C-alpha atoms as a PDB file:
ATOM      1  CA  MET A   1    -149.738  91.018 -67.462  1.00  0.00           C
ATOM      2  CA  ALA A   2    -150.414  94.013 -69.707  1.00  0.00           C
ATOM      3  CA  ILE A   3    -147.355  95.672 -71.268  1.00  0.00           C
ATOM      4  CA  THR A   4    -147.237  99.298 -72.429  1.00  0.00           C
ATOM      5  CA  ILE A   5    -145.752 100.096 -75.827  1.00  0.00           C
ATOM      6  CA  TYR A   6    -144.857 103.698 -76.585  1.00  0.00           C
ATOM      7  CA  GLN A   7    -144.968 105.073 -80.111  1.00  0.00           C
ATOM      8  CA  ILE A   8    -142.363 107.805 -80.415  1.00  0.00           C
ATOM      9  CA  ASP A   9    -141.528 109.968 -83.417  1.00  0.00           C
ATOM     10  CA  ALA A  10    -137.728 110.208 -83.621  1.00  0.00           C
ATOM     11  CA  PHE A  11    -135.461 112.796 -85.250  1.00  0.00           C
ATOM     12  CA  THR A  12    -138.177 115.416 -84.961  1.00  0.00           C
ATOM     13  CA  ALA A  13    -139.779 117.691 -82.386  1.00  0.00           C
ATOM     14  CA  GLU A  14    -143.112 117.676 -84.228  1.00  0.00           C
ATOM     15  CA  PRO A  15    -145.665 114.847 -83.909  1.00  0.00           C
ATOM     16  CA  PHE A  16    -146.448 112.942 -87.112  1.00  0.00           C
ATOM     17  CA  SER A  17    -143.076 113.641 -88.672  1.00  0.00           C
ATOM     18  CA  GLY A  18    -139.661 112.026 -88.315  1.00  0.00           C
ATOM     19  CA  ASN A  19    -139.531 108.239 -87.951  1.00  0.00           C
ATOM     20  CA  PRO A  20    -142.019 106.488 -85.658  1.00  0.00           C
ATOM     21  CA  ALA A  21    -140.693 103.692 -83.468  1.00  0.00           C
ATOM     22  CA  GLY A  22    -142.357 101.376 -81.011  1.00  0.00           C
ATOM     23  CA  VAL A  23    -140.663 101.062 -77.616  1.00  0.00           C
ATOM     24  CA  CYS A  24    -141.497  98.210 -75.265  1.00  0.00           C
ATOM     25  CA  ILE A  25    -139.847  98.335 -71.817  1.00  0.00           C
ATOM     26  CA  MET A  26    -139.986  94.900 -70.201  1.00  0.00           C
ATOM     27  CA  PRO A  27    -138.885  93.579 -66.796  1.00  0.00           C
ATOM     28  CA  VAL A  28    -137.064  90.593 -68.345  1.00  0.00           C
ATOM     29  CA  HIS A  29    -135.853  89.333 -71.742  1.00  0.00           C
ATOM     30  CA  GLY A  30    -138.695  88.734 -74.175  1.00  0.00           C
ATOM     31  CA  ASP A  31    -139.230  85.643 -76.273  1.00  0.00           C
ATOM     32  CA  GLU A  32    -137.823  86.247 -79.763  1.00  0.00           C
ATOM     33  CA  ALA A  33    -140.828  84.866 -81.655  1.00  0.00           C
ATOM     34  CA  TRP A  34    -143.178  86.964 -79.498  1.00  0.00           C
ATOM     35  CA  MET A  35    -141.137  90.130 -80.096  1.00  0.00           C
ATOM     36  CA  GLN A  36    -141.267  89.531 -83.851  1.00  0.00           C
ATOM     37  CA  GLN A  37    -145.046  89.106 -83.667  1.00  0.00           C
ATOM     38  CA  VAL A  38    -145.409  92.345 -81.705  1.00  0.00           C
ATOM     39  CA  ALA A  39    -143.242  94.197 -84.234  1.00  0.00           C
ATOM     40  CA  ARG A  40    -145.390  92.820 -87.039  1.00  0.00           C
ATOM     41  CA  GLU A  41    -148.516  93.978 -85.192  1.00  0.00           C
ATOM     42  CA  MET A  42    -147.078  97.475 -84.643  1.00  0.00           C
ATOM     43  CA  ASN A  43    -146.112  97.576 -88.350  1.00  0.00           C
ATOM     44  CA  LEU A  44    -143.558 100.355 -87.871  1.00  0.00           C
ATOM     45  CA  SER A  45    -140.129 100.392 -89.470  1.00  0.00           C
ATOM     46  CA  GLU A  46    -138.728  99.213 -86.101  1.00  0.00           C
ATOM     47  CA  THR A  47    -140.001  98.301 -82.666  1.00  0.00           C
ATOM     48  CA  ALA A  48    -137.445  98.290 -79.840  1.00  0.00           C
ATOM     49  CA  PHE A  49    -137.522  95.915 -76.879  1.00  0.00           C
ATOM     50  CA  LEU A  50    -135.442  96.687 -73.827  1.00  0.00           C
ATOM     51  CA  ASN A  51    -135.067  95.336 -70.321  1.00  0.00           C
ATOM     52  CA  PRO A  52    -132.751  96.114 -67.400  1.00  0.00           C
ATOM     53  CA  ASP A  53    -129.321  94.536 -67.667  1.00  0.00           C
ATOM     54  CA  ILE A  54    -126.046  94.861 -65.772  1.00  0.00           C
ATOM     55  CA  GLY A  55    -124.928  98.465 -66.083  1.00  0.00           C
ATOM     56  CA  GLY A  56    -127.765  99.488 -68.376  1.00  0.00           C
ATOM     57  CA  PHE A  57    -130.372  97.951 -70.646  1.00  0.00           C
ATOM     58  CA  HIS A  58    -130.409  95.098 -73.134  1.00  0.00           C
ATOM     59  CA  LEU A  59    -131.808  96.413 -76.434  1.00  0.00           C
ATOM     60  CA  ARG A  60    -133.060  94.635 -79.558  1.00  0.00           C
ATOM     61  CA  TRP A  61    -134.762  95.980 -82.689  1.00  0.00           C
ATOM     62  CA  PHE A  62    -137.279  94.285 -84.996  1.00  0.00           C
ATOM     63  CA  THR A  63    -138.810  95.372 -88.298  1.00  0.00           C
ATOM     64  CA  PRO A  64    -142.164  93.768 -89.153  1.00  0.00           C
ATOM     65  CA  VAL A  65    -140.279  90.881 -90.785  1.00  0.00           C
ATOM     66  CA  VAL A  66    -136.804  90.519 -89.232  1.00  0.00           C
ATOM     67  CA  GLU A  67    -134.496  91.451 -86.369  1.00  0.00           C
ATOM     68  CA  VAL A  68    -131.792  94.023 -87.234  1.00  0.00           C
ATOM     69  CA  ASP A  69    -128.284  94.540 -85.846  1.00  0.00           C
ATOM     70  CA  LEU A  70    -128.375  98.325 -85.594  1.00  0.00           C
ATOM     71  CA  CYS A  71    -131.118 100.945 -85.536  1.00  0.00           C
ATOM     72  CA  GLY A  72    -130.649 104.621 -84.762  1.00  0.00           C
ATOM     73  CA  HIS A  73    -134.143 106.036 -84.539  1.00  0.00           C
ATOM     74  CA  ALA A  74    -135.453 103.274 -82.262  1.00  0.00           C
ATOM     75  CA  THR A  75    -132.403 103.728 -79.995  1.00  0.00           C
ATOM     76  CA  LEU A  76    -133.177 107.439 -79.815  1.00  0.00           C
ATOM     77  CA  ALA A  77    -136.811 106.616 -79.057  1.00  0.00           C
ATOM     78  CA  SER A  78    -135.764 104.100 -76.380  1.00  0.00           C
ATOM     79  CA  ALA A  79    -133.604 106.648 -74.571  1.00  0.00           C
ATOM     80  CA  HIS A  80    -136.410 109.207 -74.789  1.00  0.00           C
ATOM     81  CA  ALA A  81    -138.868 106.689 -73.295  1.00  0.00           C
ATOM     82  CA  LEU A  82    -136.536 105.814 -70.402  1.00  0.00           C
ATOM     83  CA  TRP A  83    -136.155 109.458 -69.398  1.00  0.00           C
ATOM     84  CA  GLU A  84    -139.798 110.389 -69.992  1.00  0.00           C
ATOM     85  CA  THR A  85    -141.158 107.483 -67.929  1.00  0.00           C
ATOM     86  CA  GLY A  86    -138.684 108.052 -65.101  1.00  0.00           C
ATOM     87  CA  ALA A  87    -136.930 104.712 -65.629  1.00  0.00           C
ATOM     88  CA  LEU A  88    -133.771 106.854 -65.854  1.00  0.00           C
ATOM     89  CA  PRO A  89    -133.199 110.324 -64.383  1.00  0.00           C
ATOM     90  CA  PRO A  90    -132.680 112.935 -67.126  1.00  0.00           C
ATOM     91  CA  ASP A  91    -129.073 113.590 -66.103  1.00  0.00           C
ATOM     92  CA  GLN A  92    -128.095 109.909 -66.326  1.00  0.00           C
ATOM     93  CA  GLU A  93    -126.618 108.433 -69.496  1.00  0.00           C
ATOM     94  CA  ALA A  94    -128.530 105.581 -71.120  1.00  0.00           C
ATOM     95  CA  ASN A  95    -126.326 102.533 -71.694  1.00  0.00           C
ATOM     96  CA  PHE A  96    -127.480  99.858 -74.119  1.00  0.00           C
ATOM     97  CA  HIS A  97    -126.108  96.368 -74.746  1.00  0.00           C
ATOM     98  CA  THR A  98    -126.850  95.480 -78.379  1.00  0.00           C
ATOM     99  CA  ALA A  99    -125.882  93.183 -81.244  1.00  0.00           C
ATOM    100  CA  SER A 100    -123.622  96.015 -82.472  1.00  0.00           C
ATOM    101  CA  GLY A 101    -121.870  96.361 -79.131  1.00  0.00           C
ATOM    102  CA  PRO A 102    -122.345  98.989 -76.424  1.00  0.00           C
ATOM    103  CA  LEU A 103    -124.284 102.114 -77.397  1.00  0.00           C
ATOM    104  CA  THR A 104    -124.907 105.167 -75.254  1.00  0.00           C
ATOM    105  CA  ALA A 105    -127.251 108.143 -75.302  1.00  0.00           C
ATOM    106  CA  ARG A 106    -127.221 111.348 -73.289  1.00  0.00           C
ATOM    107  CA  LYS A 107    -129.677 114.195 -72.977  1.00  0.00           C
ATOM    108  CA  ALA A 108    -128.583 117.762 -73.771  1.00  0.00           C
ATOM    109  CA  GLY A 109    -131.531 120.118 -73.484  1.00  0.00           C
ATOM    110  CA  ASP A 110    -134.117 119.162 -76.114  1.00  0.00           C
ATOM    111  CA  TRP A 111    -131.599 117.023 -78.007  1.00  0.00           C
ATOM    112  CA  ILE A 112    -130.459 113.450 -77.499  1.00  0.00           C
ATOM    113  CA  TRP A 113    -126.937 112.466 -78.532  1.00  0.00           C
ATOM    114  CA  MET A 114    -126.106 108.845 -79.320  1.00  0.00           C
ATOM    115  CA  ASP A 115    -122.622 107.355 -79.579  1.00  0.00           C
ATOM    116  CA  PHE A 116    -122.513 104.918 -82.517  1.00  0.00           C
ATOM    117  CA  PRO A 117    -119.739 103.108 -84.394  1.00  0.00           C
ATOM    118  CA  ALA A 118    -118.528 104.892 -87.527  1.00  0.00           C
ATOM    119  CA  LEU A 119    -119.250 102.782 -90.613  1.00  0.00           C
ATOM    120  CA  PRO A 120    -117.571 104.563 -93.540  1.00  0.00           C
ATOM    121  CA  PRO A 121    -118.122 103.180 -97.047  1.00  0.00           C
ATOM    122  CA  GLN A 122    -115.535 101.304 -99.066  1.00  0.00           C
ATOM    123  CA  ASP A 123    -115.398 101.968-102.823  1.00  0.00           C
ATOM    124  CA  MET A 124    -117.041  99.282-104.918  1.00  0.00           C
ATOM    125  CA  THR A 125    -118.172  98.547-108.448  1.00  0.00           C
ATOM    126  CA  PRO A 126    -121.933  99.140-108.663  1.00  0.00           C
ATOM    127  CA  PRO A 127    -123.730  95.792-108.377  1.00  0.00           C
ATOM    128  CA  GLU A 128    -125.680  94.543-111.345  1.00  0.00           C
ATOM    129  CA  GLY A 129    -129.184  95.962-111.503  1.00  0.00           C
ATOM    130  CA  LEU A 130    -128.630  98.839-109.068  1.00  0.00           C
ATOM    131  CA  SER A 131    -128.853 101.650-111.625  1.00  0.00           C
ATOM    132  CA  GLU A 132    -131.928 100.084-113.229  1.00  0.00           C
ATOM    133  CA  ALA A 133    -133.594  99.697-109.811  1.00  0.00           C
ATOM    134  CA  LEU A 134    -132.941 103.330-108.913  1.00  0.00           C
ATOM    135  CA  GLY A 135    -133.583 104.707-112.394  1.00  0.00           C
ATOM    136  CA  ILE A 136    -130.410 106.800-112.241  1.00  0.00           C
ATOM    137  CA  SER A 137    -126.668 106.421-112.852  1.00  0.00           C
ATOM    138  CA  PRO A 138    -124.840 106.960-109.527  1.00  0.00           C
ATOM    139  CA  VAL A 139    -121.900 109.343-109.186  1.00  0.00           C
ATOM    140  CA  TYR A 140    -120.387 107.022-106.564  1.00  0.00           C
ATOM    141  CA  VAL A 141    -121.206 103.660-104.967  1.00  0.00           C
ATOM    142  CA  GLY A 142    -119.694 102.420-101.716  1.00  0.00           C
ATOM    143  CA  GLN A 143    -120.523  99.730 -99.195  1.00  0.00           C
ATOM    144  CA  ASN A 144    -120.115  99.136 -95.473  1.00  0.00           C
ATOM    145  CA  ARG A 145    -121.145  96.075 -93.462  1.00  0.00           C
ATOM    146  CA  LEU A 146    -124.789  97.175 -93.513  1.00  0.00           C
ATOM    147  CA  ASP A 147    -125.730  99.116 -96.631  1.00  0.00           C
ATOM    148  CA  LEU A 148    -124.820 100.425-100.046  1.00  0.00           C
ATOM    149  CA  LEU A 149    -124.142 104.154-100.259  1.00  0.00           C
ATOM    150  CA  VAL A 150    -125.186 105.750-103.547  1.00  0.00           C
ATOM    151  CA  VAL A 151    -124.282 109.353-104.357  1.00  0.00           C
ATOM    152  CA  VAL A 152    -126.388 111.132-106.981  1.00  0.00           C
ATOM    153  CA  ASP A 153    -125.755 114.331-108.930  1.00  0.00           C
ATOM    154  CA  SER A 154    -128.034 116.749-107.122  1.00  0.00           C
ATOM    155  CA  ALA A 155    -130.596 117.243-104.384  1.00  0.00           C
ATOM    156  CA  ASP A 156    -133.295 117.541-107.052  1.00  0.00           C
ATOM    157  CA  ASP A 157    -132.290 114.167-108.516  1.00  0.00           C
ATOM    158  CA  LEU A 158    -132.420 112.643-105.039  1.00  0.00           C
ATOM    159  CA  ARG A 159    -135.906 113.948-104.305  1.00  0.00           C
ATOM    160  CA  ALA A 160    -137.110 112.721-107.710  1.00  0.00           C
ATOM    161  CA  LEU A 161    -135.973 109.104-107.179  1.00  0.00           C
ATOM    162  CA  GLN A 162    -138.735 106.549-107.675  1.00  0.00           C
ATOM    163  CA  PRO A 163    -137.037 103.195-107.098  1.00  0.00           C
ATOM    164  CA  ASP A 164    -138.316  99.943-108.543  1.00  0.00           C
ATOM    165  CA  PHE A 165    -138.509  98.118-105.210  1.00  0.00           C
ATOM    166  CA  ALA A 166    -139.024  94.708-106.790  1.00  0.00           C
ATOM    167  CA  ARG A 167    -135.691  95.140-108.600  1.00  0.00           C
ATOM    168  CA  LEU A 168    -134.058  96.674-105.533  1.00  0.00           C
ATOM    169  CA  ARG A 169    -134.795  93.490-103.571  1.00  0.00           C
ATOM    170  CA  SER A 170    -132.338  91.660-105.820  1.00  0.00           C
ATOM    171  CA  VAL A 171    -129.455  93.843-104.595  1.00  0.00           C
ATOM    172  CA  ASP A 172    -127.499  91.963-101.934  1.00  0.00           C
ATOM    173  CA  SER A 173    -127.517  94.453 -99.063  1.00  0.00           C
ATOM    174  CA  ARG A 174    -129.534  95.408 -95.993  1.00  0.00           C
ATOM    175  CA  GLY A 175    -130.478  98.575 -97.802  1.00  0.00           C
ATOM    176  CA  VAL A 176    -129.535 101.362-100.183  1.00  0.00           C
ATOM    177  CA  VAL A 177    -128.814 104.844 -98.833  1.00  0.00           C
ATOM    178  CA  ALA A 178    -128.910 107.555-101.490  1.00  0.00           C
ATOM    179  CA  THR A 179    -127.411 110.970-100.832  1.00  0.00           C
ATOM    180  CA  ALA A 180    -126.498 114.308-102.381  1.00  0.00           C
ATOM    181  CA  SER A 181    -125.055 117.622-101.306  1.00  0.00           C
ATOM    182  CA  SER A 182    -127.772 119.856 -99.857  1.00  0.00           C
ATOM    183  CA  ASP A 183    -129.241 122.756-101.815  1.00  0.00           C
ATOM    184  CA  GLN A 184    -130.462 124.322 -98.547  1.00  0.00           C
ATOM    185  CA  PRO A 185    -127.943 126.266 -96.420  1.00  0.00           C
ATOM    186  CA  GLU A 186    -129.129 124.862 -93.091  1.00  0.00           C
ATOM    187  CA  TYR A 187    -128.093 121.326 -94.119  1.00  0.00           C
ATOM    188  CA  ASP A 188    -124.785 119.901 -95.314  1.00  0.00           C
ATOM    189  CA  PHE A 189    -126.285 116.910 -97.125  1.00  0.00           C
ATOM    190  CA  ILE A 190    -129.603 115.224 -97.721  1.00  0.00           C
ATOM    191  CA  SER A 191    -130.442 111.551 -98.049  1.00  0.00           C
ATOM    192  CA  ARG A 192    -133.090 108.900 -98.580  1.00  0.00           C
ATOM    193  CA  ALA A 193    -132.938 105.253 -97.488  1.00  0.00           C
ATOM    194  CA  PHE A 194    -134.571 102.144 -98.940  1.00  0.00           C
ATOM    195  CA  PHE A 195    -134.830  98.730 -97.214  1.00  0.00           C
ATOM    196  CA  PRO A 196    -137.261  96.570 -99.230  1.00  0.00           C
ATOM    197  CA  ASN A 197    -135.475  93.355 -98.178  1.00  0.00           C
ATOM    198  CA  TYR A 198    -136.365  94.215 -94.574  1.00  0.00           C
ATOM    199  CA  GLY A 199    -139.997  95.036 -95.267  1.00  0.00           C
ATOM    200  CA  ILE A 200    -139.461  98.820 -95.463  1.00  0.00           C
ATOM    201  CA  ASP A 201    -139.563 100.301 -98.952  1.00  0.00           C
ATOM    202  CA  GLU A 202    -138.511 103.763 -97.750  1.00  0.00           C
ATOM    203  CA  ASP A 203    -137.456 104.511 -94.184  1.00  0.00           C
ATOM    204  CA  PRO A 204    -138.549 107.975 -92.978  1.00  0.00           C
ATOM    205  CA  VAL A 205    -135.334 108.832 -91.067  1.00  0.00           C
ATOM    206  CA  THR A 206    -132.464 106.370 -90.606  1.00  0.00           C
ATOM    207  CA  GLY A 207    -130.054 107.003 -87.755  1.00  0.00           C
ATOM    208  CA  SER A 208    -127.766 104.071 -88.533  1.00  0.00           C
ATOM    209  CA  ALA A 209    -127.329 105.288 -92.126  1.00  0.00           C
ATOM    210  CA  HIS A 210    -125.702 108.430 -90.724  1.00  0.00           C
ATOM    211  CA  SER A 211    -122.908 106.267 -89.298  1.00  0.00           C
ATOM    212  CA  CYS A 212    -121.942 105.993 -92.980  1.00  0.00           C
ATOM    213  CA  LEU A 213    -123.163 109.362 -94.262  1.00  0.00           C
ATOM    214  CA  GLY A 214    -121.285 111.260 -91.553  1.00  0.00           C
ATOM    215  CA  PRO A 215    -117.793 109.929 -92.361  1.00  0.00           C
ATOM    216  CA  TYR A 216    -118.442 110.161 -96.122  1.00  0.00           C
ATOM    217  CA  TRP A 217    -119.468 113.824 -96.084  1.00  0.00           C
ATOM    218  CA  ALA A 218    -116.994 114.812 -93.354  1.00  0.00           C
ATOM    219  CA  GLU A 219    -114.141 113.770 -95.628  1.00  0.00           C
ATOM    220  CA  ARG A 220    -115.509 115.567 -98.664  1.00  0.00           C
ATOM    221  CA  LEU A 221    -116.614 118.757 -96.902  1.00  0.00           C
ATOM    222  CA  ASN A 222    -113.558 118.846 -94.617  1.00  0.00           C
ATOM    223  CA  LYS A 223    -115.619 119.301 -91.450  1.00  0.00           C
ATOM    224  CA  THR A 224    -116.466 116.985 -88.569  1.00  0.00           C
ATOM    225  CA  LYS A 225    -119.755 118.565 -87.464  1.00  0.00           C
ATOM    226  CA  LEU A 226    -122.569 118.291 -89.982  1.00  0.00           C
ATOM    227  CA  VAL A 227    -126.336 118.483 -90.245  1.00  0.00           C
ATOM    228  CA  GLY A 228    -128.239 116.061 -92.470  1.00  0.00           C
ATOM    229  CA  TYR A 229    -131.833 116.087 -93.641  1.00  0.00           C
ATOM    230  CA  GLN A 230    -133.555 112.868 -94.694  1.00  0.00           C
ATOM    231  CA  ALA A 231    -135.917 113.855 -97.481  1.00  0.00           C
ATOM    232  CA  SER A 232    -138.683 111.290 -97.013  1.00  0.00           C
ATOM    233  CA  ALA A 233    -142.386 112.177 -96.993  1.00  0.00           C
ATOM    234  CA  ARG A 234    -142.180 112.662 -93.193  1.00  0.00           C
ATOM    235  CA  GLY A 235    -138.656 114.119 -93.110  1.00  0.00           C
ATOM    236  CA  GLY A 236    -136.239 114.475 -90.235  1.00  0.00           C
ATOM    237  CA  VAL A 237    -133.035 116.171 -89.085  1.00  0.00           C
ATOM    238  CA  VAL A 238    -129.914 114.354 -87.851  1.00  0.00           C
ATOM    239  CA  LYS A 239    -126.917 116.193 -86.411  1.00  0.00           C
ATOM    240  CA  VAL A 240    -123.634 114.349 -86.882  1.00  0.00           C
ATOM    241  CA  GLU A 241    -120.229 114.694 -85.253  1.00  0.00           C
ATOM    242  CA  VAL A 242    -117.484 112.403 -86.544  1.00  0.00           C
ATOM    243  CA  LYS A 243    -114.940 111.424 -83.894  1.00  0.00           C
ATOM    244  CA  GLY A 244    -112.492 108.854 -85.288  1.00  0.00           C
ATOM    245  CA  ASP A 245    -114.075 105.405 -85.233  1.00  0.00           C
ATOM    246  CA  ARG A 246    -117.209 106.724 -83.524  1.00  0.00           C
ATOM    247  CA  VAL A 247    -120.038 108.966 -84.708  1.00  0.00           C
ATOM    248  CA  LEU A 248    -122.225 111.094 -82.459  1.00  0.00           C
ATOM    249  CA  LEU A 249    -125.789 111.323 -83.769  1.00  0.00           C
ATOM    250  CA  GLY A 250    -128.079 114.040 -82.443  1.00  0.00           C
ATOM    251  CA  GLY A 251    -131.849 114.136 -82.714  1.00  0.00           C
ATOM    252  CA  GLN A 252    -135.063 115.062 -80.988  1.00  0.00           C
ATOM    253  CA  ALA A 253    -138.066 112.895 -80.157  1.00  0.00           C
ATOM    254  CA  VAL A 254    -141.700 113.233 -79.161  1.00  0.00           C
ATOM    255  CA  THR A 255    -144.101 110.622 -77.747  1.00  0.00           C
ATOM    256  CA  VAL A 256    -147.224 110.374 -79.878  1.00  0.00           C
ATOM    257  CA  MET A 257    -149.169 107.572 -78.207  1.00  0.00           C
ATOM    258  CA  LYS A 258    -148.974 104.648 -75.842  1.00  0.00           C
ATOM    259  CA  VAL A 259    -150.876 101.411 -76.171  1.00  0.00           C
ATOM    260  CA  GLU A 260    -151.514  98.598 -73.750  1.00  0.00           C
ATOM    261  CA  LEU A 261    -150.694  95.144 -75.073  1.00  0.00           C
ATOM    262  CA  LEU A 262    -153.204  92.813 -73.489  1.00  0.00           C
END
């Protein structure tokens, strides 16, 4: 039986920007090895696989090389696909059962809002080799259960980063999220995210990273509603609202193509 896979650009309203994700809606659970092969074939930062489950949908995410516990942009893309294909009516909340617990998404006009766990960073001593891998001395380094958070001096320094990805692979973490205060008034902070250990040197826009970025900048800017810009080559905008131990992440999405897996 042929299966349709949708390629959706997330955290953007413009095709060919934001972060592309594959979304595969299946009638039943997929075989894990098969899902990994499909993700490798799609060769996107993540491909999402979802199927109907009690009270919602079971959702898993795969990079080209490994399954991950949490992914924001592919969750956004999955919700967008469910509403666009009619699998869910637009006024119905999308409920996902995932490795990181229950996640939800709701549609509000052109925006999709996801309810994610807050993952604030804990202060840490910079691990050996981090500064050399990034080519810069961080202002601050923190860590949550997923990633390292690295704060740099300025937005210009952030944009100029050219990490040594071979060295960065030696850092024991899912990834490294670098951030700085924004030099543009429409954004509160900007960021970049690197995941070479997961087969993604630089991720275009990383929703799950904002579960850390949101609490970090909310505390320092003394505000709970923020707007972040991820300054990758494709770029993307993430709205953030910090609500205790949860973070609401807002973004837009656009379907770019659909392919039939034979």
